[in-house]
Amino acid sequence: MKSRTLAALTLTAAALVTASSFGSPAHAEVPGYVKQGTYGWPDQCLGVGHQGQTNHSWRLYYCETVIPTNWSAPGLYYLWVQH
């Protein structure tokens, strides 16, 4: 069990390093949107996006999946907002 967890963490770390070394995905530059934050879980991203819209910090938001979560490790999600 420990070796599976260690392997999953190692793969996640490698994916994050790879993703950051190649830069942002092509559709990251949507006109009118700015990157607000980076999250490990989709519900975190959606929760922060919804809360910001509810309290009028931004008008619109969407979460971009860069690396999806799997059964044992977080992924990488960008929150994009429009003020």
Protein backbone atom coordinates (compact mmCIF):
# COMPACT_ATOMS: atom_id res chain seq x y z
CA MET A 1 0.00 0.00 0.00
CA LYS A 2 2.81 2.41 0.85
CA SER A 3 4.54 1.73 -2.45
CA ARG A 4 1.31 2.54 -4.35
CA THR A 5 0.94 5.82 -2.49
CA LEU A 6 4.59 6.71 -3.07
CA ALA A 7 4.28 5.82 -6.76
CA ALA A 8 1.14 7.93 -7.12
CA LEU A 9 2.79 10.90 -5.41
CA THR A 10 5.88 10.52 -7.57
CA LEU A 11 3.79 10.44 -10.75
CA THR A 12 1.80 13.46 -9.63
CA ALA A 13 4.97 15.42 -8.85
CA ALA A 14 6.45 14.47 -12.23
CA ALA A 15 3.26 15.54 -14.01
CA LEU A 16 3.25 18.88 -12.19
CA VAL A 17 6.87 19.53 -13.10
CA THR A 18 6.17 18.57 -16.71
CA ALA A 19 3.06 20.74 -16.88
CA SER A 20 4.87 23.74 -15.45
CA SER A 21 7.86 23.30 -17.77
CA PHE A 22 5.68 23.30 -20.88
CA GLY A 23 3.65 26.32 -19.82
CA SER A 24 -0.08 26.86 -19.98
CA PRO A 25 -2.51 25.00 -22.22
CA ALA A 26 -3.44 26.70 -25.47
CA HIS A 27 -6.92 27.85 -24.43
CA ALA A 28 -5.68 29.47 -21.22
CA GLU A 29 -5.69 32.89 -22.85
CA VAL A 30 -9.43 33.42 -23.13
CA PRO A 31 -10.10 37.14 -23.71
CA GLY A 32 -11.48 38.86 -20.64
CA TYR A 33 -10.48 36.10 -18.18
CA VAL A 34 -7.57 36.10 -15.75
CA LYS A 35 -6.17 33.18 -13.80
CA GLN A 36 -7.27 33.50 -10.18
CA GLY A 37 -5.78 30.37 -8.66
CA THR A 38 -4.59 26.78 -8.87
CA TYR A 39 -6.29 23.91 -7.06
CA GLY A 40 -5.76 20.20 -6.57
CA TRP A 41 -9.39 19.11 -6.64
CA PRO A 42 -12.24 20.08 -8.97
CA ASP A 43 -14.67 20.76 -6.11
CA GLN A 44 -12.18 23.23 -4.59
CA CYS A 45 -11.94 25.12 -7.87
CA LEU A 46 -15.71 25.16 -8.39
CA GLY A 47 -16.37 26.13 -4.77
CA VAL A 48 -14.01 29.10 -4.86
CA GLY A 49 -15.35 30.14 -8.26
CA HIS A 50 -18.95 30.01 -7.08
CA GLN A 51 -18.16 31.85 -3.84
CA GLY A 52 -16.39 34.63 -5.72
CA GLN A 53 -19.34 35.00 -8.06
CA THR A 54 -21.79 34.99 -5.15
CA ASN A 55 -19.92 37.73 -3.26
CA HIS A 56 -19.43 39.75 -6.48
CA SER A 57 -15.64 39.41 -6.63
CA TRP A 58 -16.05 38.38 -10.29
CA ARG A 59 -18.88 38.06 -12.78
CA LEU A 60 -18.04 34.74 -14.44
CA TYR A 61 -15.69 31.84 -13.83
CA TYR A 62 -14.67 28.44 -15.16
CA CYS A 63 -12.32 25.70 -14.02
CA GLU A 64 -9.79 24.33 -16.47
CA THR A 65 -8.66 20.73 -15.97
CA VAL A 66 -4.92 20.59 -16.56
CA ILE A 67 -4.29 17.21 -14.89
CA PRO A 68 -7.38 15.27 -13.78
CA THR A 69 -7.51 13.70 -10.32
CA ASN A 70 -7.18 9.95 -9.98
CA TRP A 71 -8.14 7.44 -7.29
CA SER A 72 -5.22 8.33 -5.04
CA ALA A 73 -3.85 11.76 -5.93
CA PRO A 74 -5.00 15.31 -6.57
CA GLY A 75 -4.88 16.80 -10.02
CA LEU A 76 -4.31 20.33 -11.25
CA TYR A 77 -7.15 22.77 -11.90
CA TYR A 78 -6.93 26.44 -12.87
CA LEU A 79 -9.68 28.87 -11.89
CA TRP A 80 -10.25 31.53 -14.54
CA VAL A 81 -12.40 34.54 -13.69
CA GLN A 82 -13.87 37.52 -15.49
CA HIS A 83 -14.20 40.73 -13.48
